[in-house]
Amino acid sequence: MSAQLGTFAFSALVALVVLYLLYQILVRGFVHTYRPWGPVEHLRKPAVPTGGGIAFIIVLVGMQITGMLVADAFFAPAEGHLRGSMLLAGLVLALGLLGFIDDALKVRRESSTGFRARYKLLIQLVLCLWFLWEVYPSAQKALIPFSNGSVQLPLWVFMTLGTILLMGMVNGMNFADGLDGLAAGLALIMLSALILIFNLAQWSTPANPLGNMLLFGSIIIAGAVFAFLVTNFKPALLYMGDTGSYFLGAFIGGVAILSGCMLYLLIIGALLGIEILSVMLQVAYFRLTGGSRILKMSPLHHHFELSGMSEPAVVFMFWAVQALLGAIAVAAYFWSTL
């Protein structure tokens, strides 16, 4: 446990330094000033640098390399296990790069759109299918919440469900990144739930190299997200942008799938799913009725803002709901051990 706390603290410290240096660069030419979306109050916010999610990539890669060189406890090369971690790294880095390009296009064009949505979704689909294909069948075992059993998922179920959950995590995190501190706080709570589950499973042992990798990788990203939250809570000094939201969604989803906790994403990621559904229902209802709306504004968090809640109040409410979902997920795993 001391090693885990030390890793978290060191990651947070490194991330703070990286974020400080990154801010000095981004504030000079990577500021997204065009924000036509959201409640009117958001339009009064000062211009803030975006692309802060680059810090997550730097911290993960830097500490991964350091860990491989100096510590067996993190990403120690082991046949059949290092490959899984490298596939995960490939997925999150590729999606992080996609998000960064999207952020850069928005800044360059002074527009709210970068890549067309259809192209982003297509690239996400290809990357998710590639990752799932490569990790099957080693990751086909899925633990069943509230049960001590598991199920070996057939390829078509694994690919279909995995794609829905992975893309849901990526885009749900992106939708949630609309209030200061919201997405970062949700991600931190999700990671904390997974870390608790991994500890209950006693994965921090040399006998389980992949579990050890996923555990310490999650702790490292949790530390980086905690540091980012310091700069991102209202009033935000830095936005993670699509770079960060894509990275975090893919990382949490990928870790859950590799660890056999794919079905736990149905609990942990439920709030992100609701955010996505709120947008889909709003758009569908608007088109079907010729302009009527179900919500005052989507995603759902904006509806609560326009209903009279302050931005911090909405953020705290969503954090509380996510904490409840995280607790349910941990309880579901603990129940399975009884």
C-alpha atoms as a PDB file:
ATOM      1  CA  MET A   1       0.000   0.000   0.000  1.00  0.00           C
ATOM      2  CA  SER A   2       2.865   2.399   0.757  1.00  0.00           C
ATOM      3  CA  ALA A   3       4.224   1.789  -2.745  1.00  0.00           C
ATOM      4  CA  GLN A   4       0.836   2.683  -4.193  1.00  0.00           C
ATOM      5  CA  LEU A   5       0.518   5.882  -2.157  1.00  0.00           C
ATOM      6  CA  GLY A   6       4.063   6.828  -3.067  1.00  0.00           C
ATOM      7  CA  THR A   7       3.362   6.230  -6.745  1.00  0.00           C
ATOM      8  CA  PHE A   8       0.209   8.358  -6.568  1.00  0.00           C
ATOM      9  CA  ALA A   9       2.005  11.217  -4.801  1.00  0.00           C
ATOM     10  CA  PHE A  10       4.998  11.104  -7.139  1.00  0.00           C
ATOM     11  CA  SER A  11       2.742  11.021 -10.205  1.00  0.00           C
ATOM     12  CA  ALA A  12       0.748  14.001  -8.921  1.00  0.00           C
ATOM     13  CA  LEU A  13       3.943  15.945  -8.236  1.00  0.00           C
ATOM     14  CA  VAL A  14       5.386  15.177 -11.666  1.00  0.00           C
ATOM     15  CA  ALA A  15       2.066  16.098 -13.282  1.00  0.00           C
ATOM     16  CA  LEU A  16       1.983  19.461 -11.492  1.00  0.00           C
ATOM     17  CA  VAL A  17       5.431  20.298 -12.861  1.00  0.00           C
ATOM     18  CA  VAL A  18       4.437  19.135 -16.350  1.00  0.00           C
ATOM     19  CA  LEU A  19       1.189  21.119 -16.195  1.00  0.00           C
ATOM     20  CA  TYR A  20       3.028  24.276 -15.137  1.00  0.00           C
ATOM     21  CA  LEU A  21       5.477  23.978 -18.032  1.00  0.00           C
ATOM     22  CA  LEU A  22       2.713  22.987 -20.430  1.00  0.00           C
ATOM     23  CA  TYR A  23       0.635  25.990 -19.442  1.00  0.00           C
ATOM     24  CA  GLN A  24       3.503  28.331 -20.329  1.00  0.00           C
ATOM     25  CA  ILE A  25       3.482  26.883 -23.842  1.00  0.00           C
ATOM     26  CA  LEU A  26      -0.250  26.513 -24.448  1.00  0.00           C
ATOM     27  CA  VAL A  27      -1.181  29.981 -23.188  1.00  0.00           C
ATOM     28  CA  ARG A  28       0.879  31.490 -26.007  1.00  0.00           C
ATOM     29  CA  GLY A  29      -0.952  29.927 -28.918  1.00  0.00           C
ATOM     30  CA  PHE A  30      -3.313  27.132 -27.978  1.00  0.00           C
ATOM     31  CA  VAL A  31      -6.202  29.098 -26.519  1.00  0.00           C
ATOM     32  CA  HIS A  32      -9.707  28.199 -27.654  1.00  0.00           C
ATOM     33  CA  THR A  33     -11.626  31.477 -27.542  1.00  0.00           C
ATOM     34  CA  TYR A  34     -14.634  30.515 -29.684  1.00  0.00           C
ATOM     35  CA  ARG A  35     -17.275  28.869 -27.479  1.00  0.00           C
ATOM     36  CA  PRO A  36     -20.782  29.137 -28.946  1.00  0.00           C
ATOM     37  CA  TRP A  37     -22.113  26.221 -26.890  1.00  0.00           C
ATOM     38  CA  GLY A  38     -23.337  26.023 -23.330  1.00  0.00           C
ATOM     39  CA  PRO A  39     -25.345  28.430 -21.154  1.00  0.00           C
ATOM     40  CA  VAL A  40     -24.916  32.171 -21.613  1.00  0.00           C
ATOM     41  CA  GLU A  41     -22.822  32.354 -18.436  1.00  0.00           C
ATOM     42  CA  HIS A  42     -20.154  30.230 -20.134  1.00  0.00           C
ATOM     43  CA  LEU A  43     -19.704  32.834 -22.851  1.00  0.00           C
ATOM     44  CA  ARG A  44     -18.498  35.277 -20.207  1.00  0.00           C
ATOM     45  CA  LYS A  45     -15.644  33.026 -19.146  1.00  0.00           C
ATOM     46  CA  PRO A  46     -12.145  34.266 -19.995  1.00  0.00           C
ATOM     47  CA  ALA A  47     -10.137  32.518 -22.688  1.00  0.00           C
ATOM     48  CA  VAL A  48      -8.409  29.437 -21.281  1.00  0.00           C
ATOM     49  CA  PRO A  49      -5.672  27.288 -22.876  1.00  0.00           C
ATOM     50  CA  THR A  50      -6.842  23.871 -24.027  1.00  0.00           C
ATOM     51  CA  GLY A  51      -4.992  20.630 -24.713  1.00  0.00           C
ATOM     52  CA  GLY A  52      -3.989  20.091 -21.088  1.00  0.00           C
ATOM     53  CA  GLY A  53      -4.610  16.374 -21.564  1.00  0.00           C
ATOM     54  CA  ILE A  54      -1.145  16.231 -23.115  1.00  0.00           C
ATOM     55  CA  ALA A  55       0.086  16.068 -19.519  1.00  0.00           C
ATOM     56  CA  PHE A  56      -1.572  12.669 -19.040  1.00  0.00           C
ATOM     57  CA  ILE A  57       0.329  11.296 -22.015  1.00  0.00           C
ATOM     58  CA  ILE A  58       3.649  12.742 -20.857  1.00  0.00           C
ATOM     59  CA  VAL A  59       3.242  11.413 -17.318  1.00  0.00           C
ATOM     60  CA  LEU A  60       2.148   7.936 -18.421  1.00  0.00           C
ATOM     61  CA  VAL A  61       4.919   7.510 -20.981  1.00  0.00           C
ATOM     62  CA  GLY A  62       7.578   9.040 -18.738  1.00  0.00           C
ATOM     63  CA  MET A  63       6.730   6.973 -15.676  1.00  0.00           C
ATOM     64  CA  GLN A  64       6.206   3.853 -17.764  1.00  0.00           C
ATOM     65  CA  ILE A  65       9.725   4.112 -19.174  1.00  0.00           C
ATOM     66  CA  THR A  66      11.133   4.920 -15.739  1.00  0.00           C
ATOM     67  CA  GLY A  67       9.310   1.979 -14.209  1.00  0.00           C
ATOM     68  CA  MET A  68      10.610  -0.414 -16.838  1.00  0.00           C
ATOM     69  CA  LEU A  69      14.148   0.746 -16.168  1.00  0.00           C
ATOM     70  CA  VAL A  70      14.241   0.901 -12.387  1.00  0.00           C
ATOM     71  CA  ALA A  71      11.317  -1.003 -10.858  1.00  0.00           C
ATOM     72  CA  ASP A  72       9.999  -4.498 -11.375  1.00  0.00           C
ATOM     73  CA  ALA A  73       6.720  -3.530  -9.731  1.00  0.00           C
ATOM     74  CA  PHE A  74       5.526  -1.520 -12.711  1.00  0.00           C
ATOM     75  CA  PHE A  75       5.443  -2.705 -16.298  1.00  0.00           C
ATOM     76  CA  ALA A  76       8.118  -5.321 -15.700  1.00  0.00           C
ATOM     77  CA  PRO A  77       8.636  -7.210 -18.962  1.00  0.00           C
ATOM     78  CA  ALA A  78       6.822 -10.522 -18.834  1.00  0.00           C
ATOM     79  CA  GLU A  79       5.928 -12.699 -21.773  1.00  0.00           C
ATOM     80  CA  GLY A  80       2.267 -12.319 -22.733  1.00  0.00           C
ATOM     81  CA  HIS A  81       1.680  -9.431 -20.333  1.00  0.00           C
ATOM     82  CA  LEU A  82       3.846  -6.607 -21.633  1.00  0.00           C
ATOM     83  CA  ARG A  83       2.021  -6.979 -24.957  1.00  0.00           C
ATOM     84  CA  GLY A  84      -1.317  -6.205 -23.301  1.00  0.00           C
ATOM     85  CA  SER A  85       0.033  -3.036 -21.717  1.00  0.00           C
ATOM     86  CA  MET A  86       1.596  -1.947 -25.005  1.00  0.00           C
ATOM     87  CA  LEU A  87      -1.694  -2.471 -26.843  1.00  0.00           C
ATOM     88  CA  LEU A  88      -3.424  -0.338 -24.222  1.00  0.00           C
ATOM     89  CA  ALA A  89      -0.732   2.319 -24.591  1.00  0.00           C
ATOM     90  CA  GLY A  90      -1.202   2.243 -28.365  1.00  0.00           C
ATOM     91  CA  LEU A  91      -4.955   2.721 -28.015  1.00  0.00           C
ATOM     92  CA  VAL A  92      -4.818   5.632 -25.571  1.00  0.00           C
ATOM     93  CA  LEU A  93      -1.967   7.381 -27.379  1.00  0.00           C
ATOM     94  CA  ALA A  94      -3.717   7.082 -30.745  1.00  0.00           C
ATOM     95  CA  LEU A  95      -6.987   8.423 -29.368  1.00  0.00           C
ATOM     96  CA  GLY A  96      -5.129  11.125 -27.456  1.00  0.00           C
ATOM     97  CA  LEU A  97      -3.470  12.150 -30.731  1.00  0.00           C
ATOM     98  CA  LEU A  98      -6.854  12.223 -32.462  1.00  0.00           C
ATOM     99  CA  GLY A  99      -8.135  14.481 -29.707  1.00  0.00           C
ATOM    100  CA  PHE A 100      -5.089  16.742 -29.965  1.00  0.00           C
ATOM    101  CA  ILE A 101      -5.529  17.155 -33.720  1.00  0.00           C
ATOM    102  CA  ASP A 102      -9.182  17.990 -33.127  1.00  0.00           C
ATOM    103  CA  ASP A 103      -8.205  20.577 -30.501  1.00  0.00           C
ATOM    104  CA  ALA A 104      -5.600  22.069 -32.837  1.00  0.00           C
ATOM    105  CA  LEU A 105      -8.095  22.389 -35.689  1.00  0.00           C
ATOM    106  CA  LYS A 106     -10.585  24.155 -33.417  1.00  0.00           C
ATOM    107  CA  VAL A 107      -7.946  26.637 -32.274  1.00  0.00           C
ATOM    108  CA  ARG A 108      -6.615  27.222 -35.774  1.00  0.00           C
ATOM    109  CA  ARG A 109     -10.055  27.727 -37.310  1.00  0.00           C
ATOM    110  CA  GLU A 110     -11.413  29.616 -34.289  1.00  0.00           C
ATOM    111  CA  SER A 111     -14.375  27.290 -34.553  1.00  0.00           C
ATOM    112  CA  SER A 112     -16.311  24.881 -32.360  1.00  0.00           C
ATOM    113  CA  THR A 113     -15.665  22.042 -34.803  1.00  0.00           C
ATOM    114  CA  GLY A 114     -12.433  20.300 -35.697  1.00  0.00           C
ATOM    115  CA  PHE A 115     -12.754  16.951 -37.415  1.00  0.00           C
ATOM    116  CA  ARG A 116     -16.231  16.169 -38.676  1.00  0.00           C
ATOM    117  CA  ALA A 117     -18.017  13.973 -36.142  1.00  0.00           C
ATOM    118  CA  ARG A 118     -18.457  11.127 -38.622  1.00  0.00           C
ATOM    119  CA  TYR A 119     -14.716  10.966 -39.268  1.00  0.00           C
ATOM    120  CA  LYS A 120     -13.864  11.027 -35.562  1.00  0.00           C
ATOM    121  CA  LEU A 121     -16.340   8.240 -34.877  1.00  0.00           C
ATOM    122  CA  LEU A 122     -14.953   6.190 -37.761  1.00  0.00           C
ATOM    123  CA  ILE A 123     -11.375   6.536 -36.496  1.00  0.00           C
ATOM    124  CA  GLN A 124     -12.502   5.687 -32.965  1.00  0.00           C
ATOM    125  CA  LEU A 125     -14.337   2.624 -34.276  1.00  0.00           C
ATOM    126  CA  VAL A 126     -11.295   1.371 -36.171  1.00  0.00           C
ATOM    127  CA  LEU A 127      -8.993   1.860 -33.167  1.00  0.00           C
ATOM    128  CA  CYS A 128     -11.399   0.175 -30.752  1.00  0.00           C
ATOM    129  CA  LEU A 129     -11.928  -2.796 -33.073  1.00  0.00           C
ATOM    130  CA  TRP A 130      -8.164  -3.134 -33.517  1.00  0.00           C
ATOM    131  CA  PHE A 131      -7.549  -3.115 -29.766  1.00  0.00           C
ATOM    132  CA  LEU A 132     -10.310  -5.610 -29.012  1.00  0.00           C
ATOM    133  CA  TRP A 133      -9.218  -7.937 -31.812  1.00  0.00           C
ATOM    134  CA  GLU A 134      -5.638  -7.927 -30.568  1.00  0.00           C
ATOM    135  CA  VAL A 135      -6.460  -8.592 -26.894  1.00  0.00           C
ATOM    136  CA  TYR A 136      -8.847 -11.451 -27.667  1.00  0.00           C
ATOM    137  CA  PRO A 137      -8.940 -14.230 -26.443  1.00  0.00           C
ATOM    138  CA  SER A 138      -6.663 -13.356 -23.495  1.00  0.00           C
ATOM    139  CA  ALA A 139      -9.200 -10.765 -22.269  1.00  0.00           C
ATOM    140  CA  GLN A 140     -12.373 -12.676 -23.136  1.00  0.00           C
ATOM    141  CA  LYS A 141     -13.064 -13.593 -19.503  1.00  0.00           C
ATOM    142  CA  ALA A 142     -15.515 -11.123 -17.970  1.00  0.00           C
ATOM    143  CA  LEU A 143     -16.242 -11.070 -14.249  1.00  0.00           C
ATOM    144  CA  ILE A 144     -19.936 -10.924 -13.386  1.00  0.00           C
ATOM    145  CA  PRO A 145     -20.837  -8.195 -10.835  1.00  0.00           C
ATOM    146  CA  PHE A 146     -22.404  -9.432  -7.574  1.00  0.00           C
ATOM    147  CA  SER A 147     -21.379 -12.981  -8.456  1.00  0.00           C
ATOM    148  CA  ASN A 148     -18.284 -15.105  -7.936  1.00  0.00           C
ATOM    149  CA  GLY A 149     -18.653 -16.370 -11.480  1.00  0.00           C
ATOM    150  CA  SER A 150     -17.358 -15.210 -14.826  1.00  0.00           C
ATOM    151  CA  VAL A 151     -18.287 -15.685 -18.457  1.00  0.00           C
ATOM    152  CA  GLN A 152     -16.074 -16.456 -21.443  1.00  0.00           C
ATOM    153  CA  LEU A 153     -17.368 -14.046 -24.053  1.00  0.00           C
ATOM    154  CA  PRO A 154     -17.607 -15.307 -27.646  1.00  0.00           C
ATOM    155  CA  LEU A 155     -15.673 -13.205 -30.129  1.00  0.00           C
ATOM    156  CA  TRP A 156     -18.733 -11.476 -31.600  1.00  0.00           C
ATOM    157  CA  VAL A 157     -20.083 -10.568 -28.150  1.00  0.00           C
ATOM    158  CA  PHE A 158     -16.661  -9.402 -26.970  1.00  0.00           C
ATOM    159  CA  MET A 159     -16.155  -7.232 -30.060  1.00  0.00           C
ATOM    160  CA  THR A 160     -19.685  -5.796 -30.071  1.00  0.00           C
ATOM    161  CA  LEU A 161     -20.031  -5.102 -26.357  1.00  0.00           C
ATOM    162  CA  GLY A 162     -16.413  -3.983 -26.057  1.00  0.00           C
ATOM    163  CA  THR A 163     -16.775  -1.502 -28.910  1.00  0.00           C
ATOM    164  CA  ILE A 164     -19.979  -0.029 -27.467  1.00  0.00           C
ATOM    165  CA  LEU A 165     -18.427   0.343 -24.016  1.00  0.00           C
ATOM    166  CA  LEU A 166     -15.068   1.693 -25.216  1.00  0.00           C
ATOM    167  CA  MET A 167     -16.585   4.246 -27.582  1.00  0.00           C
ATOM    168  CA  GLY A 168     -19.129   5.090 -24.917  1.00  0.00           C
ATOM    169  CA  MET A 169     -16.380   5.825 -22.402  1.00  0.00           C
ATOM    170  CA  VAL A 170     -14.442   7.963 -24.896  1.00  0.00           C
ATOM    171  CA  ASN A 171     -17.385  10.040 -26.096  1.00  0.00           C
ATOM    172  CA  GLY A 172     -19.116  10.119 -22.722  1.00  0.00           C
ATOM    173  CA  MET A 173     -15.996  11.587 -21.142  1.00  0.00           C
ATOM    174  CA  ASN A 174     -15.855  14.094 -23.980  1.00  0.00           C
ATOM    175  CA  PHE A 175     -19.472  15.173 -23.391  1.00  0.00           C
ATOM    176  CA  ALA A 176     -18.826  15.443 -19.646  1.00  0.00           C
ATOM    177  CA  ASP A 177     -15.940  17.835 -20.269  1.00  0.00           C
ATOM    178  CA  GLY A 178     -18.265  20.817 -20.393  1.00  0.00           C
ATOM    179  CA  LEU A 179     -17.997  22.164 -16.845  1.00  0.00           C
ATOM    180  CA  ASP A 180     -14.905  23.132 -14.888  1.00  0.00           C
ATOM    181  CA  GLY A 181     -13.650  20.058 -13.051  1.00  0.00           C
ATOM    182  CA  LEU A 182     -16.489  17.748 -14.102  1.00  0.00           C
ATOM    183  CA  ALA A 183     -14.741  15.257 -16.398  1.00  0.00           C
ATOM    184  CA  ALA A 184     -11.539  15.194 -14.339  1.00  0.00           C
ATOM    185  CA  GLY A 185     -13.469  14.535 -11.131  1.00  0.00           C
ATOM    186  CA  LEU A 186     -15.524  11.760 -12.703  1.00  0.00           C
ATOM    187  CA  ALA A 187     -12.384  10.145 -14.119  1.00  0.00           C
ATOM    188  CA  LEU A 188     -10.636  10.297 -10.744  1.00  0.00           C
ATOM    189  CA  ILE A 189     -13.577   8.586  -9.028  1.00  0.00           C
ATOM    190  CA  MET A 190     -13.764   5.894 -11.719  1.00  0.00           C
ATOM    191  CA  LEU A 191     -10.043   5.197 -11.444  1.00  0.00           C
ATOM    192  CA  SER A 192     -10.317   5.064  -7.656  1.00  0.00           C
ATOM    193  CA  ALA A 193     -13.071   2.443  -7.930  1.00  0.00           C
ATOM    194  CA  LEU A 194     -10.960   0.301 -10.263  1.00  0.00           C
ATOM    195  CA  ILE A 195      -7.925   0.651  -7.982  1.00  0.00           C
ATOM    196  CA  LEU A 196      -9.980  -0.513  -4.997  1.00  0.00           C
ATOM    197  CA  ILE A 197     -11.261  -3.490  -6.989  1.00  0.00           C
ATOM    198  CA  PHE A 198      -7.723  -4.407  -8.043  1.00  0.00           C
ATOM    199  CA  ASN A 199      -6.603  -4.259  -4.416  1.00  0.00           C
ATOM    200  CA  LEU A 200      -9.496  -6.458  -3.329  1.00  0.00           C
ATOM    201  CA  ALA A 201      -8.358  -8.887  -6.009  1.00  0.00           C
ATOM    202  CA  GLN A 202      -4.821  -8.727  -4.529  1.00  0.00           C
ATOM    203  CA  TRP A 203      -3.263  -8.010  -7.901  1.00  0.00           C
ATOM    204  CA  SER A 204      -0.237  -6.181  -6.518  1.00  0.00           C
ATOM    205  CA  THR A 205       1.910  -9.307  -6.556  1.00  0.00           C
ATOM    206  CA  PRO A 206       4.750 -10.550  -8.774  1.00  0.00           C
ATOM    207  CA  ALA A 207       2.557 -13.576  -9.527  1.00  0.00           C
ATOM    208  CA  ASN A 208       0.168 -11.372 -11.506  1.00  0.00           C
ATOM    209  CA  PRO A 209       2.275  -9.183 -13.836  1.00  0.00           C
ATOM    210  CA  LEU A 210      -0.628  -7.878 -15.935  1.00  0.00           C
ATOM    211  CA  GLY A 211      -2.717  -7.050 -12.863  1.00  0.00           C
ATOM    212  CA  ASN A 212       0.270  -5.250 -11.375  1.00  0.00           C
ATOM    213  CA  MET A 213       0.723  -3.243 -14.559  1.00  0.00           C
ATOM    214  CA  LEU A 214      -2.917  -2.226 -14.709  1.00  0.00           C
ATOM    215  CA  LEU A 215      -3.006  -1.366 -11.006  1.00  0.00           C
ATOM    216  CA  PHE A 216       0.052   0.876 -11.043  1.00  0.00           C
ATOM    217  CA  GLY A 217      -0.868   2.348 -14.422  1.00  0.00           C
ATOM    218  CA  SER A 218      -4.244   3.341 -12.982  1.00  0.00           C
ATOM    219  CA  ILE A 219      -2.584   4.842  -9.905  1.00  0.00           C
ATOM    220  CA  ILE A 220      -0.252   6.887 -12.091  1.00  0.00           C
ATOM    221  CA  ILE A 221      -3.083   8.288 -14.188  1.00  0.00           C
ATOM    222  CA  ALA A 222      -5.148   8.920 -11.036  1.00  0.00           C
ATOM    223  CA  GLY A 223      -2.274  10.984  -9.644  1.00  0.00           C
ATOM    224  CA  ALA A 224      -2.006  12.953 -12.876  1.00  0.00           C
ATOM    225  CA  VAL A 225      -5.765  13.567 -12.965  1.00  0.00           C
ATOM    226  CA  PHE A 226      -5.718  14.732  -9.341  1.00  0.00           C
ATOM    227  CA  ALA A 227      -3.013  17.258 -10.206  1.00  0.00           C
ATOM    228  CA  PHE A 228      -4.928  18.384 -13.276  1.00  0.00           C
ATOM    229  CA  LEU A 229      -8.071  18.873 -11.199  1.00  0.00           C
ATOM    230  CA  VAL A 230      -6.190  21.470  -9.151  1.00  0.00           C
ATOM    231  CA  THR A 231      -5.816  23.571 -12.315  1.00  0.00           C
ATOM    232  CA  ASN A 232      -9.204  22.706 -13.818  1.00  0.00           C
ATOM    233  CA  PHE A 233     -11.706  23.301 -11.010  1.00  0.00           C
ATOM    234  CA  LYS A 234     -13.674  26.547 -11.277  1.00  0.00           C
ATOM    235  CA  PRO A 235     -12.281  28.919 -12.286  1.00  0.00           C
ATOM    236  CA  ALA A 236     -10.316  26.686 -14.663  1.00  0.00           C
ATOM    237  CA  LEU A 237      -6.806  27.718 -15.630  1.00  0.00           C
ATOM    238  CA  LEU A 238      -6.462  24.919 -18.170  1.00  0.00           C
ATOM    239  CA  TYR A 239      -8.814  22.672 -20.135  1.00  0.00           C
ATOM    240  CA  MET A 240      -7.979  19.037 -20.928  1.00  0.00           C
ATOM    241  CA  GLY A 241      -9.600  19.332 -24.359  1.00  0.00           C
ATOM    242  CA  ASP A 242     -10.446  16.372 -26.549  1.00  0.00           C
ATOM    243  CA  THR A 243      -6.839  15.296 -26.005  1.00  0.00           C
ATOM    244  CA  GLY A 244      -7.536  14.548 -22.367  1.00  0.00           C
ATOM    245  CA  SER A 245     -11.137  13.348 -22.560  1.00  0.00           C
ATOM    246  CA  TYR A 246     -10.386  10.832 -25.325  1.00  0.00           C
ATOM    247  CA  PHE A 247      -7.291   9.628 -23.484  1.00  0.00           C
ATOM    248  CA  LEU A 248      -9.049   9.176 -20.145  1.00  0.00           C
ATOM    249  CA  GLY A 249     -12.116   7.484 -21.601  1.00  0.00           C
ATOM    250  CA  ALA A 250      -9.968   5.047 -23.566  1.00  0.00           C
ATOM    251  CA  PHE A 251      -7.640   4.378 -20.633  1.00  0.00           C
ATOM    252  CA  ILE A 252     -10.405   3.594 -18.137  1.00  0.00           C
ATOM    253  CA  GLY A 253     -12.288   1.477 -20.665  1.00  0.00           C
ATOM    254  CA  GLY A 254      -9.161  -0.359 -21.808  1.00  0.00           C
ATOM    255  CA  VAL A 255      -7.997  -1.112 -18.268  1.00  0.00           C
ATOM    256  CA  ALA A 256     -11.427  -2.491 -17.361  1.00  0.00           C
ATOM    257  CA  ILE A 257     -11.485  -4.751 -20.410  1.00  0.00           C
ATOM    258  CA  LEU A 258      -7.946  -6.075 -19.910  1.00  0.00           C
ATOM    259  CA  SER A 259      -8.627  -6.747 -16.225  1.00  0.00           C
ATOM    260  CA  GLY A 260     -11.792  -8.728 -16.899  1.00  0.00           C
ATOM    261  CA  CYS A 261     -13.973  -5.924 -15.527  1.00  0.00           C
ATOM    262  CA  MET A 262     -15.721  -5.158 -18.813  1.00  0.00           C
ATOM    263  CA  LEU A 263     -19.169  -5.709 -17.291  1.00  0.00           C
ATOM    264  CA  TYR A 264     -18.272  -3.394 -14.405  1.00  0.00           C
ATOM    265  CA  LEU A 265     -18.166  -0.560 -16.941  1.00  0.00           C
ATOM    266  CA  LEU A 266     -21.950  -0.858 -17.075  1.00  0.00           C
ATOM    267  CA  ILE A 267     -21.911   0.393 -13.473  1.00  0.00           C
ATOM    268  CA  ILE A 268     -18.859   2.656 -13.388  1.00  0.00           C
ATOM    269  CA  GLY A 269     -19.630   4.267 -16.739  1.00  0.00           C
ATOM    270  CA  ALA A 270     -23.404   4.577 -16.268  1.00  0.00           C
ATOM    271  CA  LEU A 271     -23.324   8.342 -15.730  1.00  0.00           C
ATOM    272  CA  LEU A 272     -21.331   8.861 -18.930  1.00  0.00           C
ATOM    273  CA  GLY A 273     -23.888   6.694 -20.697  1.00  0.00           C
ATOM    274  CA  ILE A 274     -26.661   8.951 -19.418  1.00  0.00           C
ATOM    275  CA  GLU A 275     -24.788  11.990 -20.743  1.00  0.00           C
ATOM    276  CA  ILE A 276     -24.589  10.379 -24.199  1.00  0.00           C
ATOM    277  CA  LEU A 277     -28.244   9.322 -24.137  1.00  0.00           C
ATOM    278  CA  SER A 278     -29.299  12.848 -23.179  1.00  0.00           C
ATOM    279  CA  VAL A 279     -27.633  14.194 -26.323  1.00  0.00           C
ATOM    280  CA  MET A 280     -29.024  11.451 -28.567  1.00  0.00           C
ATOM    281  CA  LEU A 281     -32.573  11.857 -27.238  1.00  0.00           C
ATOM    282  CA  GLN A 282     -32.392  15.639 -27.481  1.00  0.00           C
ATOM    283  CA  VAL A 283     -31.275  15.543 -31.117  1.00  0.00           C
ATOM    284  CA  ALA A 284     -33.767  12.836 -32.107  1.00  0.00           C
ATOM    285  CA  TYR A 285     -36.703  14.576 -30.400  1.00  0.00           C
ATOM    286  CA  PHE A 286     -35.720  17.936 -31.901  1.00  0.00           C
ATOM    287  CA  ARG A 287     -35.728  16.499 -35.414  1.00  0.00           C
ATOM    288  CA  LEU A 288     -38.893  14.445 -34.998  1.00  0.00           C
ATOM    289  CA  THR A 289     -40.918  17.322 -33.557  1.00  0.00           C
ATOM    290  CA  GLY A 290     -39.530  20.087 -35.733  1.00  0.00           C
ATOM    291  CA  GLY A 291     -37.799  22.011 -32.981  1.00  0.00           C
ATOM    292  CA  SER A 292     -39.137  20.907 -29.601  1.00  0.00           C
ATOM    293  CA  ARG A 293     -36.749  19.856 -26.841  1.00  0.00           C
ATOM    294  CA  ILE A 294     -36.882  17.356 -23.995  1.00  0.00           C
ATOM    295  CA  LEU A 295     -34.150  19.110 -22.016  1.00  0.00           C
ATOM    296  CA  LYS A 296     -33.406  22.795 -21.722  1.00  0.00           C
ATOM    297  CA  MET A 297     -29.977  21.964 -23.142  1.00  0.00           C
ATOM    298  CA  SER A 298     -27.883  18.856 -23.623  1.00  0.00           C
ATOM    299  CA  PRO A 299     -25.737  17.199 -22.390  1.00  0.00           C
ATOM    300  CA  LEU A 300     -27.632  16.675 -19.152  1.00  0.00           C
ATOM    301  CA  HIS A 301     -25.306  18.773 -16.982  1.00  0.00           C
ATOM    302  CA  HIS A 302     -26.261  21.904 -18.952  1.00  0.00           C
ATOM    303  CA  HIS A 303     -29.949  21.179 -18.320  1.00  0.00           C
ATOM    304  CA  PHE A 304     -29.322  21.397 -14.582  1.00  0.00           C
ATOM    305  CA  GLU A 305     -27.409  24.656 -15.039  1.00  0.00           C
ATOM    306  CA  LEU A 306     -30.289  26.212 -16.950  1.00  0.00           C
ATOM    307  CA  SER A 307     -32.655  24.947 -14.260  1.00  0.00           C
ATOM    308  CA  GLY A 308     -30.998  27.284 -11.767  1.00  0.00           C
ATOM    309  CA  MET A 309     -28.110  25.280 -10.292  1.00  0.00           C
ATOM    310  CA  SER A 310     -24.677  26.877 -10.166  1.00  0.00           C
ATOM    311  CA  GLU A 311     -21.835  25.278 -12.103  1.00  0.00           C
ATOM    312  CA  PRO A 312     -20.013  24.028  -8.959  1.00  0.00           C
ATOM    313  CA  ALA A 313     -23.298  22.632  -7.585  1.00  0.00           C
ATOM    314  CA  VAL A 314     -23.863  20.608 -10.761  1.00  0.00           C
ATOM    315  CA  VAL A 315     -20.282  19.353 -10.664  1.00  0.00           C
ATOM    316  CA  PHE A 316     -20.563  18.270  -7.019  1.00  0.00           C
ATOM    317  CA  MET A 317     -23.891  16.560  -7.727  1.00  0.00           C
ATOM    318  CA  PHE A 318     -22.402  14.582 -10.619  1.00  0.00           C
ATOM    319  CA  TRP A 319     -19.361  13.696  -8.511  1.00  0.00           C
ATOM    320  CA  ALA A 320     -21.675  12.402  -5.776  1.00  0.00           C
ATOM    321  CA  VAL A 321     -23.617  10.250  -8.234  1.00  0.00           C
ATOM    322  CA  GLN A 322     -20.362   8.921  -9.686  1.00  0.00           C
ATOM    323  CA  ALA A 323     -19.059   8.166  -6.189  1.00  0.00           C
ATOM    324  CA  LEU A 324     -22.234   6.172  -5.532  1.00  0.00           C
ATOM    325  CA  LEU A 325     -21.767   4.238  -8.776  1.00  0.00           C
ATOM    326  CA  GLY A 326     -18.127   3.612  -7.887  1.00  0.00           C
ATOM    327  CA  ALA A 327     -19.137   2.353  -4.445  1.00  0.00           C
ATOM    328  CA  ILE A 328     -21.710   0.030  -6.021  1.00  0.00           C
ATOM    329  CA  ALA A 329     -19.052  -1.366  -8.361  1.00  0.00           C
ATOM    330  CA  VAL A 330     -16.629  -1.978  -5.486  1.00  0.00           C
ATOM    331  CA  ALA A 331     -19.418  -3.544  -3.418  1.00  0.00           C
ATOM    332  CA  ALA A 332     -20.331  -5.746  -6.384  1.00  0.00           C
ATOM    333  CA  TYR A 333     -16.796  -7.100  -6.531  1.00  0.00           C
ATOM    334  CA  PHE A 334     -16.518  -7.458  -2.744  1.00  0.00           C
ATOM    335  CA  TRP A 335     -19.799  -9.383  -2.724  1.00  0.00           C
ATOM    336  CA  SER A 336     -18.336 -11.792  -5.261  1.00  0.00           C
ATOM    337  CA  THR A 337     -15.487 -12.644  -2.879  1.00  0.00           C
ATOM    338  CA  LEU A 338     -17.776 -13.683  -0.011  1.00  0.00           C
END
